[in-house]
Amino acid sequence: VMVKGTKVGATTDVNGNFSLNASAGATLVVSYIGYISREINIGDSKEYNISLQPSTNNLTDVVVTALGIKRSEKSLGYAVQKVSGKDLQTVKGVDVGTSLTGRVSGLVVKNSTEFNARPTIELRGEGALLVIDGVPYGNMSLRDVPTDDIESMDILKGPTASALYGSRASGGVLLITTKKGNSSKGLAIDVNSNIMASLGYLAIPEVQSSYARGQNGVIDNDYVWGPKLDAGNTARDWNPVTKQFEDNRPLVSKGKDNLKNFMNTGIILNNNLSIAQSVENGSFRIGLNNIYNKGQFPNQNLNMFNLTMAGEMKINDKFKLEGHMGVSRRWADQVWGGGYGNQGYLYQLVMWTGTEYDIRDYKDYWKEPNKTQNWMYNNWYDNPYLIAYEKLNGIQTNTVNANVTANYQFNKDFNLLVRLGYDNYNNKTTFTNPTANIYSTRGGAVNGSGWNAKGLYSVQDSRGFSTNDDVILSYKKKLNKFSVDALAGGTIYYWIDESLSGTTKNGLISPTFYSLAGSVEAPTVSQGYSTRQINSLFGRASVGYDDAIFLDFTGRNDWNSAQPKSSRSYFYPSIGSSVVISELVKLPKVIDMFKIRGSWAVFKTALDVYATNRNYSTTTAAWNTLNSASYPSSLLGSNLLPSSQRTYEIGAAGYMFKKRLHFDVAYFNKYYYNQQVSTSIPSSSGFSSTLVNTQETYERRGLEITVDGSIIKHKNFEWYSTINWSKQHRYYVNLDPVYSADDLWVKKGERLDTYTDNY
């Protein structure tokens, strides 16, 4: 809010309140990004109620960019797509990532059929960095964020969009803004529940049901081409009631629906409670979330609990505080499911067993409790019910994240932001394999190793934390038709991981004593520790002319502890531009806004932790009861450079028909060079491999199109739809004459993803 023709002004609080000194007859200019500015003539009154109308670029066109800074979409030279929290909250699953399916062009969500498996999310073919309220978190996933806590999500696609976050954001950014309080003054209590049902697989492999297990027409414990079923044939087979083999058992196809009969109806129950309070100088919100997920297979039960607190407070006209904290806990006793292998139900009930048995007859899975199974197979497969209730893979996961942001407005031009971010995690994973597992009984291996032993117990504990602390000084100034928006700052990112695991050796001393203390021999124990620190300085300068032409420059320099000293410091710049054609040229009335844009950026990715350090690794009980230490077999490369990517992007976006229709088109090209690869070297050197920068280069090319709009809009009804389309592939540009392992099968210009099956 400015007094027209002067430098006197004020900013509003979170509720739009403001105060300033102005004499009668003066004119107030009230403006806000995304709204039409308004002029108010001052009279004798001391209070004014002022409302603004949305402009052609309303609030939906305001996006949250890198470092949590809000900017107008039309000023950006890169692709950004926004998803509102309400859209994500319409149907809520276990993981908010699932709700992103189909909502963003270039964002691929690969939902797993495995119980408790997180969806794999790829943005332009790569993993994206998760940022919550401006803080990048290294130990969290979307599953740790309750859907009801999300105000909005901004997907920063282009490299220029995420350049200020450094190499961790080379694949883009998923930027979440959380709710801080009630949208209006007063107390608000919200309670809601959501229930979903899982009714089985959409498709399963088609298999034959005319022949029993076996081969060459003879019943056996392998393959599925035994005697013909429902043809009056009999065979010596297992009786699940008497729990022994019997002669002349009729061979009939009574197990055609074994998978269906083994499965349950899955349930996802999502309960939420939030309490929000907004007052004149701030707001506060607390949220509770509980998710219960009953899986589709027996004994699959996942529980999740989330507690979040957030708020903001305006201490005075210059100083403002914001904060957020989240606690998440997840636990389950059994997460085995549909994987390929002896523990996978699909593997057994569909692929490798016949239909001559009814799985429901084997619910009583013990022949002799804790000794032998009630099961017809004695070669490769355990009773599925024994897997469900005895062969357990349990998980316990706890995460905590918090951030505090302090803003100090020196004057209308300068602002100082200090932000502290912290997150930690503690995971525990357990495995139990009963003494009656089929591998140990088949081989009679009292001293069998690993899963072949007479029972197994394994526990893995991992924990860690990371901190991300920012200091940012920003400057905004409007000079006639020119505008300047600049910032400079620094970040310190620190990360620690620790792990401790133990596994019993050569079986258990007692069938049900699942403990490292129950190991027949001294258990195998391993411990890990790793840490990394990245110090960074960065800056951005944005210049605008007549609210129509915009130019952005960014630069960031990292000092990464994982790199060799010779290349520990590295710099990457970016440049972007946006030209709003509709502000410069008169276009048809149906076009509300039309812009073209372009950007270019360089990214660099450091080595893995300790890739440049030579440390001994130890093994317990390697030689009977003796421990051992071994030196790494990989030789350090000299003067290793960070892996690098150079990207350019061009695009166009606009609104039509009084903002009823929006479109966005983007083309990008990402060039990869200086890639770090491990290559074999002669064993006479004393090592087996070395790490080098290869001359092999490739590029990723992609095209994205988004069209969204209000198809039908009435007073009490609106149909809003979004259509996203994208494609992207990788291509070889150059092959290294020495280190390219694939040069016998490929050549320049060919698609890399087709050859590697990695899109």
Foldseek 3Di string as FASTA:
>chain_A
DDFPPDQWDADAFLARDDDGDDDQQIWDWDDDPQWDIDIDHHHDDRDDDDDTHGDLRHPLQWDQFALRDTDGNQQDQADKDKDFLVQLPPADFQFSLVSCDQVDFQWHWADDPFFPDHTDIARVQHDAFEAENNRTFDPDDRSQDDSQFFGMWMWGQDCVRHVVVAQNGNRTYTYTYTDAFDSHAFKDKDKDKHKDKDQDDPDADDDDFQFFADPPQDHDQWHTHHNGAPPQDFAFFADLVLLGTDGGHHQHQQQPPQVVVQWDIKMKMKIKIKMKHDDRFKIKMKMKIWIWIDGGGPQWIKIKIKIKIWMKGDPDSFKIKIKMKMKMKMKGWARQEQDQFQLHPCNPSPPIGHRRDHLVSQLVFDPPPLAATSDGHQAGHGNNNCSNPFFGKIKIKIKMKMKMKMWGHPGPWKIKIKMKIKMKMKMKIKTKAFLHDSLCVSVVQLQDWDNNASMKIKMKIKMKMKMKIKIKMWGWDDDPQKIKTKMKIKIKIKIKMKMKMKMAGSHFCDRPPRDCVRHPDNIKMFMDMFMKMKIKIKMKMWMGGNVFKIKMKMKMWIQIPQAPPLARIDMKIKIKMKGWVVSVDPDPPQWSTKMKMKMKIKHFAGDDTCPQPWDWGKIACPPPRDIDIDTAQEDEDPPQYTKMKIKMKIWMKTAGRSRQKIKIKMKMKIKTFQDWDWDADDCVVVHGIYIGRFGWMKMKIKMKMKMKGWPDDDDPDTDIDMGIDMDMFMFTADAGPPGRPCVVPDDGGDTPCVVVVRD
